[in-house]
Amino acid sequence: MSDLTVTQSLVEQVVDLAHRAGRAILEVYESPDLGVEYKADESPLTRADLASNRVITAGLAQLTPPVPILSEEAKQLPYEKRRSWNQFWLVDPLDGTKEFIKRNGEFTVNIALVEAGEPVAGVVHSPVLGTTYWAARGIGAFKIKADGEEVPIRAGTANANTFKAVASRSHAGPETEGFLERLGQIKPVETTSSGSSLKLCLVAEGSADLYPRYGPTMEWDTGAAHAVVTQAGGSVTDLKGVPLQYNKENLLNPYFVVLGDFAPELRSQVLQIL
């Protein structure tokens, strides 16, 4: 099978698919019963996760039939069957289920195209905010605002007198606090909180300079937003500065940091204190 060519038309169809999944999520979000269950690892699952997953997997299978799909809410294939995949869709149908249950609006639909272990295209859609981030290698990174206006985005250079850091609303802990304290020795730090993949997108659009993640995440949590950050000029790496890899035998991500378009010296300074 020859690899799928990433075009703007393809990504626009994936954006439309993410919007359809978002509407399916909102139908559940606006109902009194979210249908909350708990998986074997004690993470929550709702009717919205399943509804979104059905929309996305059916849509991708119709759009690109030969390309396999790896989704959080689908039965996981053993590594022996997927290790030969050069290209595949990586899907989190509802990233931020805890935010969804809290009804704070900070959850997203994530769809990424991974090629040779690297996310080369990604769509992150926020159903409640009505905003969508998308990116593709060779095309760039963009934000579609709630009013439908589409604008190119670029990660910031962190050249201001303070760092703008974003942290997890559900998972911030002592390791994050310790890093932010060390970061403050370089220059003062302003911190904001957010949920789901929106944190990575805030770095991609320049609203935040960096996002440290000392906590467990899976490949589908980061793949789509990783593509957006990279195409916007930023980076998503482990704590040693190595870009996150996808379709690993163990789908768990290492701890990681998202940085804007930092100069090499500043990037090195930050990596040294992680």
Protein backbone atom coordinates (compact mmCIF):
# COMPACT_ATOMS: atom_id res chain seq x y z
CA MET A 1 0.00 0.00 0.00
CA SER A 2 1.39 3.42 -0.99
CA ASP A 3 1.27 6.13 1.63
CA LEU A 4 -1.56 8.63 1.76
CA THR A 5 -0.59 12.08 0.45
CA VAL A 6 -1.44 14.85 2.90
CA THR A 7 -3.32 17.64 1.12
CA GLN A 8 -5.29 20.61 2.33
CA SER A 9 -8.44 19.01 0.93
CA LEU A 10 -7.84 15.87 3.00
CA VAL A 11 -7.30 17.83 6.19
CA GLU A 12 -10.39 19.96 5.54
CA GLN A 13 -12.44 16.75 5.33
CA VAL A 14 -10.95 15.60 8.64
CA VAL A 15 -11.83 18.99 10.16
CA ASP A 16 -15.42 18.46 9.02
CA LEU A 17 -15.36 14.99 10.58
CA ALA A 18 -14.10 16.44 13.88
CA HIS A 19 -16.94 18.98 13.80
CA ARG A 20 -19.48 16.20 13.27
CA ALA A 21 -17.99 14.29 16.20
CA GLY A 22 -18.17 17.49 18.26
CA ARG A 23 -21.89 17.81 17.55
CA ALA A 24 -22.41 14.21 18.68
CA ILE A 25 -20.55 15.02 21.90
CA LEU A 26 -22.64 18.13 22.54
CA GLU A 27 -25.86 16.14 22.25
CA VAL A 28 -24.72 14.13 25.28
CA TYR A 29 -23.10 17.13 27.03
CA GLU A 30 -26.41 19.02 26.97
CA SER A 31 -28.41 16.05 28.26
CA PRO A 32 -28.95 15.31 31.98
CA ASP A 33 -27.35 11.83 31.77
CA LEU A 34 -23.73 11.68 30.59
CA GLY A 35 -23.72 7.88 30.92
CA VAL A 36 -20.51 7.78 32.95
CA GLU A 37 -18.81 4.40 33.33
CA TYR A 38 -15.29 3.46 34.43
CA LYS A 39 -12.80 1.40 32.44
CA ALA A 40 -10.46 -1.22 33.87
CA ASP A 41 -7.80 1.43 34.56
CA GLU A 42 -10.45 3.45 36.47
CA SER A 43 -10.47 6.22 33.85
CA PRO A 44 -13.95 7.55 33.04
CA LEU A 45 -15.91 6.76 29.88
CA THR A 46 -19.13 8.45 28.77
CA ARG A 47 -21.77 8.00 26.09
CA ALA A 48 -20.12 10.96 24.34
CA ASP A 49 -16.75 9.16 24.02
CA LEU A 50 -18.48 6.27 22.28
CA ALA A 51 -20.70 8.43 20.06
CA SER A 52 -17.73 10.51 18.90
CA ASN A 53 -15.66 7.40 18.28
CA ARG A 54 -18.38 5.92 16.05
CA VAL A 55 -18.56 9.10 13.96
CA ILE A 56 -14.78 9.38 13.54
CA THR A 57 -13.92 5.76 12.84
CA ALA A 58 -16.74 5.38 10.32
CA GLY A 59 -15.79 8.66 8.65
CA LEU A 60 -12.09 7.85 8.38
CA ALA A 61 -12.81 4.35 7.09
CA GLN A 62 -14.89 5.91 4.32
CA LEU A 63 -12.43 8.74 3.61
CA THR A 64 -9.22 6.68 3.55
CA PRO A 65 -10.17 2.96 3.54
CA PRO A 66 -6.63 1.51 3.42
CA VAL A 67 -5.27 3.54 6.36
CA PRO A 68 -5.55 1.77 9.75
CA ILE A 69 -7.02 3.54 12.78
CA LEU A 70 -5.77 3.46 16.36
CA SER A 71 -8.37 4.93 18.71
CA GLU A 72 -8.53 5.14 22.48
CA GLU A 73 -12.05 3.74 22.52
CA ALA A 74 -11.51 0.92 20.02
CA LYS A 75 -10.10 -2.49 20.79
CA GLN A 76 -6.32 -2.12 20.89
CA LEU A 77 -4.36 -4.14 18.37
CA PRO A 78 -1.26 -5.95 19.62
CA TYR A 79 2.08 -4.44 18.64
CA GLU A 80 2.84 -7.43 16.43
CA LYS A 81 -0.05 -6.40 14.15
CA ARG A 82 0.62 -2.66 14.06
CA ARG A 83 4.42 -2.54 14.14
CA SER A 84 4.47 -2.64 10.31
CA TRP A 85 2.19 0.40 10.00
CA ASN A 86 4.00 3.26 8.30
CA GLN A 87 0.88 5.43 8.31
CA PHE A 88 -2.17 5.37 10.54
CA TRP A 89 -4.85 7.58 12.03
CA LEU A 90 -4.46 8.21 15.78
CA VAL A 91 -7.72 9.22 17.44
CA ASP A 92 -8.89 10.43 20.81
CA PRO A 93 -12.64 10.91 20.31
CA LEU A 94 -12.99 12.88 23.56
CA ASP A 95 -9.79 14.16 25.14
CA GLY A 96 -10.49 15.53 28.60
CA THR A 97 -13.30 13.25 29.77
CA LYS A 98 -12.81 14.56 33.33
CA GLU A 99 -13.36 18.11 32.04
CA PHE A 100 -16.41 16.86 30.16
CA ILE A 101 -17.87 15.34 33.33
CA LYS A 102 -17.17 18.58 35.24
CA ARG A 103 -18.91 20.42 32.37
CA ASN A 104 -16.18 23.08 32.19
CA GLY A 105 -15.99 22.90 28.38
CA GLU A 106 -12.26 22.17 28.21
CA PHE A 107 -12.33 18.96 26.18
CA THR A 108 -11.43 18.27 22.58
CA VAL A 109 -11.70 15.91 19.63
CA ASN A 110 -8.23 14.83 18.47
CA ILE A 111 -7.42 13.26 15.09
CA ALA A 112 -3.82 12.84 13.87
CA LEU A 113 -2.20 11.23 10.87
CA VAL A 114 1.04 9.54 11.92
CA GLU A 115 3.76 8.64 9.44
CA ALA A 116 6.95 6.76 10.39
CA GLY A 117 6.35 7.51 14.07
CA GLU A 118 5.76 11.25 13.55
CA PRO A 119 2.44 13.14 13.51
CA VAL A 120 2.36 14.85 10.11
CA ALA A 121 -1.19 16.23 10.29
CA GLY A 122 -3.54 16.95 13.15
CA VAL A 123 -6.95 18.36 13.99
CA VAL A 124 -7.94 19.48 17.50
CA HIS A 125 -11.54 20.65 17.84
CA SER A 126 -13.17 22.17 20.92
CA PRO A 127 -16.94 21.59 20.66
CA VAL A 128 -17.92 24.03 23.42
CA LEU A 129 -15.55 26.85 22.43
CA GLY A 130 -16.31 26.28 18.77
CA THR A 131 -12.64 26.63 17.84
CA THR A 132 -10.52 24.25 15.80
CA TYR A 133 -6.76 23.96 15.37
CA TRP A 134 -5.37 22.11 12.39
CA ALA A 135 -1.99 21.60 10.80
CA ALA A 136 -0.26 19.57 8.12
CA ARG A 137 3.34 19.13 7.10
CA GLY A 138 4.19 21.41 4.21
CA ILE A 139 1.00 23.45 4.65
CA GLY A 140 1.29 25.13 8.07
CA ALA A 141 -0.76 25.54 11.24
CA PHE A 142 -4.10 27.30 11.53
CA LYS A 143 -6.90 28.19 13.93
CA ILE A 144 -10.54 28.35 12.93
CA LYS A 145 -12.28 30.76 15.28
CA ALA A 146 -15.82 30.33 16.55
CA ASP A 147 -17.06 32.81 13.93
CA GLY A 148 -15.52 30.69 11.16
CA GLU A 149 -12.54 32.95 10.45
CA GLU A 150 -9.38 30.94 9.74
CA VAL A 151 -6.01 32.43 10.67
CA PRO A 152 -2.44 31.09 10.54
CA ILE A 153 -0.82 30.57 13.94
CA ARG A 154 2.79 30.66 15.09
CA ALA A 155 4.41 29.62 18.36
CA GLY A 156 5.95 32.41 20.41
CA THR A 157 9.64 33.05 21.02
CA ALA A 158 9.38 33.71 24.79
CA ASN A 159 11.24 37.01 24.36
CA ALA A 160 9.01 38.92 26.80
CA ASN A 161 10.13 39.76 30.35
CA THR A 162 8.11 36.83 31.74
CA PHE A 163 7.44 33.25 30.76
CA LYS A 164 3.81 32.34 30.08
CA ALA A 165 3.41 28.73 31.25
CA VAL A 166 0.29 26.58 30.98
CA ALA A 167 -0.36 23.65 33.29
CA SER A 168 -2.87 20.84 33.49
CA ARG A 169 -6.12 21.65 35.28
CA SER A 170 -6.58 18.03 36.40
CA HIS A 171 -3.02 16.77 36.83
CA ALA A 172 -0.67 19.50 38.12
CA GLY A 173 1.56 18.19 40.92
CA PRO A 174 4.75 18.81 42.90
CA GLU A 175 7.07 18.02 39.98
CA THR A 176 5.37 20.69 37.89
CA GLU A 177 5.54 23.16 40.77
CA GLY A 178 9.26 22.42 41.25
CA PHE A 179 9.98 23.00 37.57
CA LEU A 180 8.07 26.28 37.57
CA GLU A 181 10.09 27.43 40.56
CA ARG A 182 13.34 26.64 38.74
CA LEU A 183 12.02 28.31 35.61
CA GLY A 184 11.36 31.44 37.67
CA GLN A 185 15.10 31.72 38.31
CA ILE A 186 15.56 32.44 34.59
CA LYS A 187 12.79 35.05 34.56
CA PRO A 188 9.38 35.50 36.23
CA VAL A 189 6.64 33.02 35.33
CA GLU A 190 2.95 33.68 34.74
CA THR A 191 0.90 30.49 34.96
CA THR A 192 -2.49 29.62 33.56
CA SER A 193 -4.44 26.35 33.65
CA SER A 194 -6.32 24.55 30.95
CA GLY A 195 -7.61 21.09 30.11
CA SER A 196 -7.04 18.48 27.39
CA SER A 197 -5.04 19.21 24.21
CA LEU A 198 -5.92 22.88 24.47
CA LYS A 199 -2.73 23.30 26.52
CA LEU A 200 -0.54 22.32 23.58
CA CYS A 201 -2.60 24.49 21.25
CA LEU A 202 -2.08 27.53 23.50
CA VAL A 203 1.65 27.09 22.94
CA ALA A 204 1.12 26.59 19.20
CA GLU A 205 -0.77 29.87 18.86
CA GLY A 206 1.64 31.84 21.06
CA SER A 207 -0.77 32.39 23.96
CA ALA A 208 1.61 30.38 26.17
CA ASP A 209 5.36 29.83 25.89
CA LEU A 210 5.59 26.34 27.34
CA TYR A 211 3.74 23.43 28.89
CA PRO A 212 5.51 20.88 31.12
CA ARG A 213 3.80 17.53 31.59
CA TYR A 214 4.94 15.41 34.52
CA GLY A 215 2.22 12.80 34.40
CA PRO A 216 0.86 9.87 32.40
CA THR A 217 -0.52 10.48 28.91
CA MET A 218 -1.11 8.19 25.96
CA GLU A 219 -0.15 8.69 22.34
CA TRP A 220 -3.72 9.61 21.34
CA ASP A 221 -3.72 12.38 23.96
CA THR A 222 -0.91 14.24 22.21
CA GLY A 223 -0.65 13.20 18.56
CA ALA A 224 -2.99 15.73 16.93
CA ALA A 225 -1.83 18.72 18.98
CA HIS A 226 1.81 17.62 18.53
CA ALA A 227 1.34 18.09 14.79
CA VAL A 228 -0.15 21.55 15.35
CA VAL A 229 2.70 22.63 17.65
CA THR A 230 5.40 21.35 15.29
CA GLN A 231 3.94 23.02 12.21
CA ALA A 232 3.56 26.24 14.21
CA GLY A 233 7.31 26.24 14.92
CA GLY A 234 7.33 24.73 18.41
CA SER A 235 8.40 21.34 19.75
CA VAL A 236 6.99 18.44 21.79
CA THR A 237 9.82 16.43 23.32
CA ASP A 238 10.70 14.23 26.24
CA LEU A 239 12.60 15.84 29.12
CA LYS A 240 15.89 15.31 27.26
CA GLY A 241 14.71 17.16 24.16
CA VAL A 242 13.94 14.11 21.98
CA PRO A 243 10.66 14.44 20.00
CA LEU A 244 7.86 12.13 21.15
CA GLN A 245 7.53 9.01 19.02
CA TYR A 246 4.31 7.26 18.01
CA ASN A 247 3.23 3.64 17.45
CA LYS A 248 5.58 2.44 20.16
CA GLU A 249 5.11 -1.03 21.64
CA ASN A 250 3.98 0.70 24.85
CA LEU A 251 1.58 3.51 23.87
CA LEU A 252 2.29 5.42 27.09
CA ASN A 253 4.14 8.72 26.53
CA PRO A 254 7.15 9.67 28.61
CA TYR A 255 6.99 12.90 30.63
CA PHE A 256 7.31 15.71 28.12
CA VAL A 257 7.56 19.45 27.55
CA VAL A 258 6.00 21.64 24.87
CA LEU A 259 8.10 24.65 23.94
CA GLY A 260 7.43 27.53 21.59
CA ASP A 261 9.83 28.72 18.91
CA PHE A 262 12.68 29.24 21.40
CA ALA A 263 16.18 30.34 20.46
CA PRO A 264 18.67 27.44 20.90
CA GLU A 265 20.28 28.95 24.02
CA LEU A 266 16.95 29.47 25.81
CA ARG A 267 15.71 26.05 24.76
CA SER A 268 18.85 24.49 26.22
CA GLN A 269 18.43 26.44 29.47
CA VAL A 270 14.87 25.19 29.91
CA LEU A 271 15.71 21.58 29.09
CA GLN A 272 18.50 21.59 31.66
CA ILE A 273 16.13 22.40 34.53
CA LEU A 274 13.37 19.91 33.68
